[in-house]
Amino acid sequence: MADKPNFILVPEPSPDEGRAGRTFLALLDRLRGKVLSAVAALPSHAAWADPQQTAGTEVPGRCRLVFGFDATASREPAWATARQVTDALVRALPGELDVALAVHGGSTLHTFTEFTANPNTLRDRAAGITCRAGSTRLLSILSRALATPSVRVVTYIGDVYEESPGRGRKLADEMGRRGVRLFVLHDVADWNARRDAELFLDLARRTGGCVLPFDAQAPERLRDLLAAVAVFAVGGAELLHEKRRELPGAVVLLQHLARRT
């Protein structure tokens, strides 16, 4: 799939960018270790191929996760910080998942990548996201996920909802029937985003998912939440219960899931 014009490869940060960059790398290493150790004990994963061997390929039977982003103009003020966190989250996804990035901006879903287990490929595609003015297209992401076999989870980072509530509910209900969960990381840094909290919550609950807080200033908390979502995509609530003592985000995610009805 050809790169879109608004995607560029961004070089790795130089050493003089300071302690913040090194902190993000340390977070990535710890998150990746946590998730991999959490899923390693599952017998059903023992026969799965090495992620480096499956990069860019589709392997039958593997779990799939769609990682969606709102890259509209409303995200611009916080994007410098949010992009660092988003990059960290994408790179930290475990090899047990095949992941596609879905990005909307300029009133269109302009990017839906192939599924891959290679975190470097995902990082390179996510690193160059820029915001473009236009309305949101979350429903395009949900429709594409429904049309794709083996997708278990759609994770979406966004702030506002500007689409048809009725169509959103229909798509969410269909996701619920097919066992595809929606997890929304809702960024409410802008007060305008808070008006859509109930709508996001309604859509997520209809799928059996939930809404989680997105705070770009708390990367460790986001790291823990994403680790829990990744484990959930691989082993469901049962595995989350098993790993709740070693994964702080598992406890938070289980609490939010318990409130969904």
Protein backbone atom coordinates (compact mmCIF):
# COMPACT_ATOMS: atom_id res chain seq x y z
CA MET A 1 0.00 0.00 0.00
CA ALA A 2 1.46 3.35 -1.03
CA ASP A 3 2.20 5.95 1.58
CA LYS A 4 -0.27 8.80 1.71
CA PRO A 5 1.02 12.36 1.17
CA ASN A 6 0.55 13.31 4.80
CA PHE A 7 2.75 10.45 6.02
CA ILE A 8 6.49 10.93 6.22
CA LEU A 9 9.23 8.98 7.87
CA VAL A 10 10.41 10.78 10.97
CA PRO A 11 14.01 10.16 12.10
CA GLU A 12 14.72 8.81 15.55
CA PRO A 13 15.23 11.56 18.14
CA SER A 14 18.79 12.72 18.55
CA PRO A 15 20.53 12.24 21.93
CA ASP A 16 20.28 15.94 22.73
CA GLU A 17 16.49 15.83 22.81
CA GLY A 18 16.86 15.11 26.49
CA ARG A 19 15.62 12.85 29.18
CA ALA A 20 12.01 12.78 27.91
CA GLY A 21 12.91 10.73 24.85
CA ARG A 22 14.88 8.24 26.90
CA THR A 23 11.97 7.95 29.29
CA PHE A 24 9.62 7.01 26.46
CA LEU A 25 12.02 4.32 25.26
CA ALA A 26 12.26 2.91 28.76
CA LEU A 27 8.46 2.84 28.97
CA LEU A 28 8.29 0.97 25.68
CA ASP A 29 10.72 -1.68 26.85
CA ARG A 30 8.83 -2.23 30.09
CA LEU A 31 5.43 -2.34 28.42
CA ARG A 32 6.55 -4.77 25.75
CA GLY A 33 8.06 -7.02 28.39
CA LYS A 34 4.88 -6.97 30.46
CA VAL A 35 2.57 -7.85 27.60
CA LEU A 36 4.80 -10.54 26.15
CA SER A 37 5.18 -12.20 29.55
CA ALA A 38 1.44 -12.00 30.08
CA VAL A 39 0.61 -13.89 26.89
CA ALA A 40 3.58 -16.25 26.80
CA ALA A 41 1.91 -18.78 29.07
CA LEU A 42 -1.11 -19.28 26.80
CA PRO A 43 -0.84 -22.71 25.10
CA SER A 44 -2.74 -21.51 22.04
CA HIS A 45 0.05 -19.04 21.23
CA ALA A 46 2.92 -21.48 21.38
CA ALA A 47 2.62 -22.38 17.71
CA TRP A 48 2.37 -18.82 16.43
CA ALA A 49 5.16 -17.66 14.20
CA ASP A 50 7.86 -15.21 15.19
CA PRO A 51 6.61 -11.63 14.64
CA GLN A 52 9.68 -10.72 12.64
CA GLN A 53 8.90 -13.57 10.24
CA THR A 54 5.27 -12.56 9.86
CA ALA A 55 5.76 -8.83 9.36
CA GLY A 56 3.64 -7.60 6.48
CA THR A 57 1.85 -10.95 6.11
CA GLU A 58 -1.55 -12.21 7.16
CA VAL A 59 -1.44 -15.37 9.27
CA PRO A 60 -4.75 -17.25 9.69
CA GLY A 61 -5.95 -17.58 13.28
CA ARG A 62 -4.01 -14.63 14.68
CA CYS A 63 -5.75 -11.88 16.63
CA ARG A 64 -6.25 -8.55 14.91
CA LEU A 65 -6.52 -5.08 16.38
CA VAL A 66 -7.38 -1.85 14.56
CA PHE A 67 -5.64 1.18 16.08
CA GLY A 68 -7.61 4.25 15.04
CA PHE A 69 -6.71 7.94 15.37
CA ASP A 70 -8.54 11.22 15.03
CA ALA A 71 -6.10 13.52 13.21
CA THR A 72 -8.44 16.46 12.60
CA ALA A 73 -7.67 20.09 13.37
CA SER A 74 -9.15 19.94 16.87
CA ARG A 75 -6.28 17.65 17.85
CA GLU A 76 -3.58 20.12 16.76
CA PRO A 77 -2.98 22.01 20.05
CA ALA A 78 -2.05 18.86 21.97
CA TRP A 79 -0.65 16.88 19.06
CA ALA A 80 3.04 17.54 19.73
CA THR A 81 2.74 15.72 23.05
CA ALA A 82 0.04 13.27 21.97
CA ARG A 83 2.10 12.14 18.98
CA GLN A 84 4.95 11.08 21.25
CA VAL A 85 2.56 9.08 23.39
CA THR A 86 0.81 7.63 20.35
CA ASP A 87 4.15 6.59 18.90
CA ALA A 88 4.99 4.89 22.18
CA LEU A 89 1.68 3.05 22.28
CA VAL A 90 1.96 1.81 18.71
CA ARG A 91 5.52 0.60 19.12
CA ALA A 92 4.64 -1.23 22.32
CA LEU A 93 1.94 -3.47 20.84
CA PRO A 94 2.89 -7.14 21.32
CA GLY A 95 3.90 -9.45 18.50
CA GLU A 96 0.96 -11.73 19.27
CA LEU A 97 -1.32 -9.19 17.55
CA ASP A 98 -1.59 -8.25 13.91
CA VAL A 99 -2.32 -4.52 13.88
CA ALA A 100 -3.60 -2.04 11.30
CA LEU A 101 -3.45 1.73 11.72
CA ALA A 102 -6.56 3.68 10.72
CA VAL A 103 -6.28 7.47 10.51
CA HIS A 104 -8.88 10.05 9.55
CA GLY A 105 -8.38 13.73 8.82
CA GLY A 106 -9.65 16.22 6.27
CA SER A 107 -13.12 14.61 6.48
CA THR A 108 -11.91 11.28 5.13
CA LEU A 109 -10.46 7.99 6.31
CA HIS A 110 -7.27 8.50 4.36
CA THR A 111 -5.21 5.64 5.76
CA PHE A 112 -5.98 2.05 6.68
CA THR A 113 -2.74 0.08 6.60
CA GLU A 114 -2.22 -3.60 6.03
CA PHE A 115 -2.14 -5.72 9.18
CA THR A 116 1.33 -6.43 10.49
CA ALA A 117 3.04 -7.71 13.62
CA ASN A 118 6.16 -5.61 13.05
CA PRO A 119 6.20 -2.69 15.53
CA ASN A 120 8.82 -0.82 13.49
CA THR A 121 6.53 -0.75 10.46
CA LEU A 122 3.69 0.55 12.60
CA ARG A 123 5.90 3.18 14.22
CA ASP A 124 7.16 4.48 10.89
CA ARG A 125 3.62 4.86 9.57
CA ALA A 126 2.34 6.56 12.74
CA ALA A 127 5.30 8.88 13.22
CA GLY A 128 4.40 11.22 10.40
CA ILE A 129 0.73 11.82 11.20
CA THR A 130 -0.25 15.46 10.76
CA CYS A 131 -3.63 17.00 11.56
CA ARG A 132 -5.94 18.26 8.81
CA ALA A 133 -9.13 20.24 9.24
CA GLY A 134 -12.37 18.37 8.66
CA SER A 135 -15.06 16.38 10.40
CA THR A 136 -14.49 13.05 12.13
CA ARG A 137 -14.75 9.66 10.41
CA LEU A 138 -14.85 7.16 13.28
CA LEU A 139 -17.74 5.33 11.61
CA SER A 140 -15.63 4.70 8.52
CA ILE A 141 -13.11 2.97 10.77
CA LEU A 142 -15.82 0.86 12.41
CA SER A 143 -17.27 -0.12 9.01
CA ARG A 144 -13.85 -1.16 7.71
CA ALA A 145 -13.19 -3.19 10.87
CA LEU A 146 -16.51 -5.01 10.48
CA ALA A 147 -15.63 -5.90 6.89
CA THR A 148 -12.28 -7.40 7.95
CA PRO A 149 -12.07 -10.98 9.28
CA SER A 150 -10.54 -11.80 12.69
CA VAL A 151 -10.65 -8.25 14.13
CA ARG A 152 -11.25 -8.52 17.88
CA VAL A 153 -10.68 -4.98 19.07
CA VAL A 154 -10.89 -1.46 17.69
CA THR A 155 -8.98 1.07 19.81
CA TYR A 156 -9.71 4.69 18.97
CA ILE A 157 -8.00 7.85 20.22
CA GLY A 158 -10.07 10.97 19.69
CA ASP A 159 -11.86 13.90 21.26
CA VAL A 160 -15.11 14.85 19.48
CA TYR A 161 -17.87 12.99 17.59
CA GLU A 162 -19.38 14.68 14.51
CA GLU A 163 -21.23 11.88 12.73
CA SER A 164 -24.68 10.28 12.71
CA PRO A 165 -25.53 8.93 16.19
CA GLY A 166 -28.09 6.56 14.69
CA ARG A 167 -25.66 5.03 12.22
CA GLY A 168 -23.05 4.84 14.95
CA ARG A 169 -25.41 2.82 17.16
CA LYS A 170 -26.23 0.42 14.31
CA LEU A 171 -22.55 -0.21 13.64
CA ALA A 172 -21.83 -0.62 17.35
CA ASP A 173 -24.70 -3.10 17.73
CA GLU A 174 -23.35 -5.13 14.82
CA MET A 175 -19.88 -5.09 16.36
CA GLY A 176 -21.39 -6.38 19.58
CA ARG A 177 -23.10 -9.25 17.75
CA ARG A 178 -19.82 -10.22 16.10
CA GLY A 179 -17.73 -9.91 19.25
CA VAL A 180 -15.68 -6.91 18.08
CA ARG A 181 -15.00 -4.58 21.04
CA LEU A 182 -14.56 -0.82 20.84
CA PHE A 183 -12.23 0.87 23.32
CA VAL A 184 -12.22 4.67 23.10
CA LEU A 185 -9.35 6.60 24.66
CA HIS A 186 -11.18 9.90 25.02
CA ASP A 187 -9.06 13.03 25.06
CA VAL A 188 -11.04 15.72 26.92
CA ALA A 189 -8.26 18.33 27.16
CA ASP A 190 -10.54 20.63 25.12
CA TRP A 191 -13.77 21.30 27.00
CA ASN A 192 -15.75 20.91 23.74
CA ALA A 193 -14.87 17.21 23.75
CA ARG A 194 -16.71 16.61 27.02
CA ARG A 195 -20.11 17.05 25.39
CA ASP A 196 -19.52 13.81 23.43
CA ALA A 197 -18.52 11.67 26.42
CA GLU A 198 -21.93 10.00 26.74
CA LEU A 199 -22.13 9.24 23.03
CA PHE A 200 -18.70 7.59 22.97
CA LEU A 201 -19.68 5.65 26.07
CA ASP A 202 -22.92 4.46 24.47
CA LEU A 203 -21.15 3.22 21.34
CA ALA A 204 -18.43 1.45 23.29
CA ARG A 205 -20.88 -0.23 25.66
CA ARG A 206 -22.98 -1.54 22.78
CA THR A 207 -19.91 -3.47 21.59
CA GLY A 208 -19.00 -4.76 25.05
CA GLY A 209 -16.11 -2.29 25.27
CA CYS A 210 -15.66 0.89 27.28
CA VAL A 211 -14.27 4.44 27.32
CA LEU A 212 -10.87 5.02 28.90
CA PRO A 213 -9.16 8.31 29.84
CA PHE A 214 -6.51 9.68 27.51
CA ASP A 215 -4.02 11.97 29.23
CA ALA A 216 -1.02 12.84 27.08
CA GLN A 217 0.74 14.10 30.22
CA ALA A 218 0.57 10.66 31.89
CA PRO A 219 2.41 8.27 29.55
CA GLU A 220 2.88 5.58 32.18
CA ARG A 221 -0.86 5.39 32.79
CA LEU A 222 -1.50 5.19 29.05
CA ARG A 223 1.16 2.52 28.75
CA ASP A 224 -0.56 0.41 31.40
CA LEU A 225 -3.99 0.87 29.81
CA LEU A 226 -2.75 -0.12 26.37
CA ALA A 227 -0.97 -3.15 27.79
CA ALA A 228 -4.29 -4.24 29.29
CA VAL A 229 -6.17 -3.67 26.02
CA ALA A 230 -3.54 -5.68 24.13
CA VAL A 231 -3.79 -8.55 26.60
CA PHE A 232 -7.59 -8.39 26.35
CA ALA A 233 -7.38 -8.63 22.54
CA VAL A 234 -5.25 -11.75 22.89
CA GLY A 235 -6.94 -13.54 25.80
CA GLY A 236 -10.11 -11.67 26.78
CA ALA A 237 -11.33 -10.83 30.28
CA GLU A 238 -10.19 -14.20 31.60
CA LEU A 239 -6.55 -13.46 30.88
CA LEU A 240 -6.95 -9.94 32.29
CA HIS A 241 -8.16 -11.45 35.57
CA GLU A 242 -5.19 -13.81 35.63
CA LYS A 243 -2.69 -10.98 35.06
CA ARG A 244 -4.26 -8.24 37.16
CA ARG A 245 -1.57 -8.42 39.86
CA GLU A 246 1.26 -7.81 37.43
CA LEU A 247 -0.53 -5.45 35.00
CA PRO A 248 -1.83 -2.30 36.76
CA GLY A 249 -3.85 -1.37 33.70
CA ALA A 250 -5.70 -4.68 33.87
CA VAL A 251 -7.40 -3.64 37.09
CA VAL A 252 -8.46 -0.29 35.61
CA LEU A 253 -9.74 -1.90 32.41
CA LEU A 254 -11.69 -4.56 34.31
CA GLN A 255 -13.29 -1.84 36.43
CA HIS A 256 -14.39 0.10 33.35
CA LEU A 257 -15.71 -3.05 31.68
CA ALA A 258 -17.72 -3.88 34.82
CA ARG A 259 -19.49 -0.50 34.52
CA ARG A 260 -20.53 -0.95 30.90
CA THR A 261 -24.05 -2.21 31.61
